[in-house]
Amino acid sequence: RAQLDVYDLRGRRVRSLLDEPRPLGVHRAVWDGRDGRGKAVASGLYLVRLQTPSGSSTERVTLVR
C-alpha cells in the first residue's frame, strides 16, 4: 500500500494524492495545487510524504502560481 500526502509547513495535511495498493516500481502522481476541497492553495513551500510498508520519505516542493 502506498500513501502520498501533501502537507503545509505547519504539518497540516493539505491533500491526499494517493492511498491505494501499488506494485513495486516507478509511479507518477501530479498535484494540481488544490486542497482536498478543490480550493487553490497559496504559493509557497509544501512537504510531500510517501509512506509504504518498507518506510517513508519526505520531500520539499515549491508551488509557484
Protein backbone atom coordinates (compact mmCIF):
# COMPACT_ATOMS: atom_id res chain seq x y z
CA ARG A 1 0.00 0.00 0.00
CA ALA A 2 1.31 3.45 -0.89
CA GLN A 3 0.13 6.71 0.65
CA LEU A 4 1.17 10.09 -0.77
CA ASP A 5 0.13 13.25 1.08
CA VAL A 6 0.84 16.97 0.76
CA TYR A 7 1.35 18.99 3.97
CA ASP A 8 1.82 22.68 4.68
CA LEU A 9 4.80 23.80 6.75
CA ARG A 10 2.69 23.72 9.91
CA GLY A 11 2.22 19.99 9.43
CA ARG A 12 -1.44 20.14 8.40
CA ARG A 13 -2.43 17.77 5.61
CA VAL A 14 -3.48 19.77 2.56
CA ARG A 15 -4.41 16.88 0.29
CA SER A 16 -4.06 13.14 -0.09
CA LEU A 17 -2.88 12.29 -3.60
CA LEU A 18 -2.68 8.52 -3.29
CA ASP A 19 -3.85 5.88 -0.84
CA GLU A 20 -4.03 2.51 -2.56
CA PRO A 21 -2.10 -0.67 -3.24
CA ARG A 22 0.60 -0.24 -5.89
CA PRO A 23 3.05 -2.77 -7.36
CA LEU A 24 6.76 -2.20 -6.92
CA GLY A 25 8.25 0.14 -9.50
CA VAL A 26 8.25 3.73 -10.61
CA HIS A 27 4.95 5.62 -10.46
CA ARG A 28 3.88 9.19 -11.03
CA ALA A 29 1.43 11.48 -9.25
CA VAL A 30 0.51 15.05 -10.16
CA TRP A 31 -0.70 17.67 -7.67
CA ASP A 32 -2.74 20.46 -9.23
CA GLY A 33 -2.14 22.89 -6.36
CA ARG A 34 -5.57 22.39 -4.79
CA ASP A 35 -6.56 21.23 -1.33
CA GLY A 36 -8.87 18.32 -0.53
CA ARG A 37 -11.95 20.52 -1.10
CA GLY A 38 -10.78 21.68 -4.53
CA LYS A 39 -9.72 25.17 -3.43
CA ALA A 40 -6.45 26.54 -4.84
CA VAL A 41 -3.75 26.87 -2.18
CA ALA A 42 -1.25 29.71 -1.88
CA SER A 43 2.18 29.71 -3.48
CA GLY A 44 4.92 28.56 -1.15
CA LEU A 45 6.72 25.58 0.31
CA TYR A 46 4.94 22.30 0.95
CA LEU A 47 6.03 18.86 2.12
CA VAL A 48 5.16 15.72 0.19
CA ARG A 49 5.34 12.48 2.17
CA LEU A 50 5.32 8.99 0.69
CA GLN A 51 4.59 6.13 3.07
CA THR A 52 4.93 2.47 2.15
CA PRO A 53 5.26 -0.69 4.21
CA SER A 54 9.05 -0.51 3.70
CA GLY A 55 9.40 3.07 5.01
CA SER A 56 8.64 6.71 4.37
CA SER A 57 10.22 9.63 2.55
CA THR A 58 9.52 13.37 2.73
CA GLU A 59 10.49 15.96 0.13
CA ARG A 60 10.04 19.73 -0.02
CA VAL A 61 8.27 21.17 -3.05
CA THR A 62 7.67 24.76 -4.10
CA LEU A 63 4.32 25.75 -5.57
CA VAL A 64 4.60 28.81 -7.79
CA ARG A 65 1.49 30.41 -9.24
